[in-house]
């Protein structure tokens, strides 16, 4: 994850902890919730999946294998605005 991606993730998590209505919308329609609350438009070709981790669970997200990514699909340091 890029630095800007990590920052966005941190902002989203903090807002979800502070705002129950944002959290509910984030779970139901993540792209709309992020755009509405933070003004960040996520491109149509990007899927966003939101799950809530509980204290007795651990989620591990595996990024794409770099050898499986086609060079033309790589958008280095892409920033959504």
Protein backbone atom coordinates (compact mmCIF):
# COMPACT_ATOMS: atom_id res chain seq x y z
CA UNK A 1 0.00 0.00 0.00
CA UNK A 2 1.31 3.41 -0.89
CA UNK A 3 1.80 6.08 1.74
CA UNK A 4 -1.28 7.96 0.46
CA UNK A 5 -3.26 4.70 0.55
CA UNK A 6 -2.20 4.06 4.14
CA UNK A 7 -3.15 7.61 5.11
CA UNK A 8 -6.57 7.25 3.48
CA UNK A 9 -7.11 3.94 5.26
CA UNK A 10 -6.23 5.53 8.61
CA UNK A 11 -8.63 8.43 7.98
CA UNK A 12 -11.45 6.03 7.06
CA UNK A 13 -10.90 3.84 10.15
CA UNK A 14 -10.79 6.83 12.51
CA UNK A 15 -13.99 8.28 11.01
CA UNK A 16 -15.75 4.90 11.30
CA UNK A 17 -14.78 4.68 14.98
CA UNK A 18 -16.10 8.20 15.64
CA UNK A 19 -19.24 8.18 13.48
CA UNK A 20 -21.63 5.21 13.66
CA UNK A 21 -23.67 6.40 10.66
CA UNK A 22 -20.52 6.63 8.52
CA UNK A 23 -19.51 3.15 9.69
CA UNK A 24 -22.91 1.73 8.69
CA UNK A 25 -22.73 3.34 5.25
CA UNK A 26 -19.11 2.23 4.87
CA UNK A 27 -20.15 -1.38 5.43
CA UNK A 28 -23.12 -1.07 3.05
CA UNK A 29 -21.69 1.12 0.26
CA UNK A 30 -17.99 1.87 0.83
CA UNK A 31 -17.32 3.98 -2.27
CA UNK A 32 -20.29 6.27 -1.65
CA UNK A 33 -19.42 6.61 2.04
CA UNK A 34 -15.80 7.52 1.30
CA UNK A 35 -16.76 10.02 -1.39
CA UNK A 36 -19.44 11.64 0.75
CA UNK A 37 -17.35 11.90 3.92
CA UNK A 38 -13.86 12.54 2.56
CA UNK A 39 -14.42 13.78 -0.98
CA UNK A 40 -12.33 10.95 -2.41
CA UNK A 41 -13.63 9.48 -5.66
CA UNK A 42 -12.51 5.90 -6.19
CA UNK A 43 -12.41 4.92 -9.88
CA UNK A 44 -14.99 2.45 -11.20
CA UNK A 45 -12.33 -0.17 -11.95
CA UNK A 46 -11.39 -0.34 -8.25
CA UNK A 47 -13.54 -2.54 -6.00
CA UNK A 48 -13.82 -1.66 -2.32
CA UNK A 49 -14.82 -4.32 0.19
CA UNK A 50 -15.38 -3.36 3.81
CA UNK A 51 -15.54 -5.95 6.59
CA UNK A 52 -15.61 -5.41 10.32
CA UNK A 53 -13.00 -7.33 12.29
CA UNK A 54 -14.04 -8.50 15.76
CA UNK A 55 -11.80 -8.96 18.79
CA UNK A 56 -11.66 -12.74 18.29
CA UNK A 57 -10.78 -12.53 14.59
CA UNK A 58 -7.72 -11.68 12.54
CA UNK A 59 -7.93 -10.72 8.88
CA UNK A 60 -4.92 -11.00 6.65
CA UNK A 61 -5.09 -9.25 3.28
CA UNK A 62 -2.81 -10.65 0.62
CA UNK A 63 -1.80 -8.10 -2.02
CA UNK A 64 -1.53 -9.13 -5.67
CA UNK A 65 1.58 -11.04 -6.58
CA UNK A 66 3.80 -8.59 -8.53
CA UNK A 67 4.62 -11.28 -11.09
CA UNK A 68 0.89 -11.62 -11.87
CA UNK A 69 0.36 -7.91 -12.52
CA UNK A 70 0.51 -6.79 -16.14
CA UNK A 71 2.82 -3.80 -16.44
CA UNK A 72 0.24 -1.78 -18.36
CA UNK A 73 -2.18 -2.12 -15.43
CA UNK A 74 0.29 -0.64 -12.93
CA UNK A 75 -0.43 2.93 -11.93
CA UNK A 76 2.47 3.89 -9.64
CA UNK A 77 1.59 6.18 -6.76
CA UNK A 78 -1.98 6.59 -8.02
CA UNK A 79 -3.88 9.09 -5.92
CA UNK A 80 -7.66 9.27 -6.09
CA UNK A 81 -9.23 12.67 -5.81
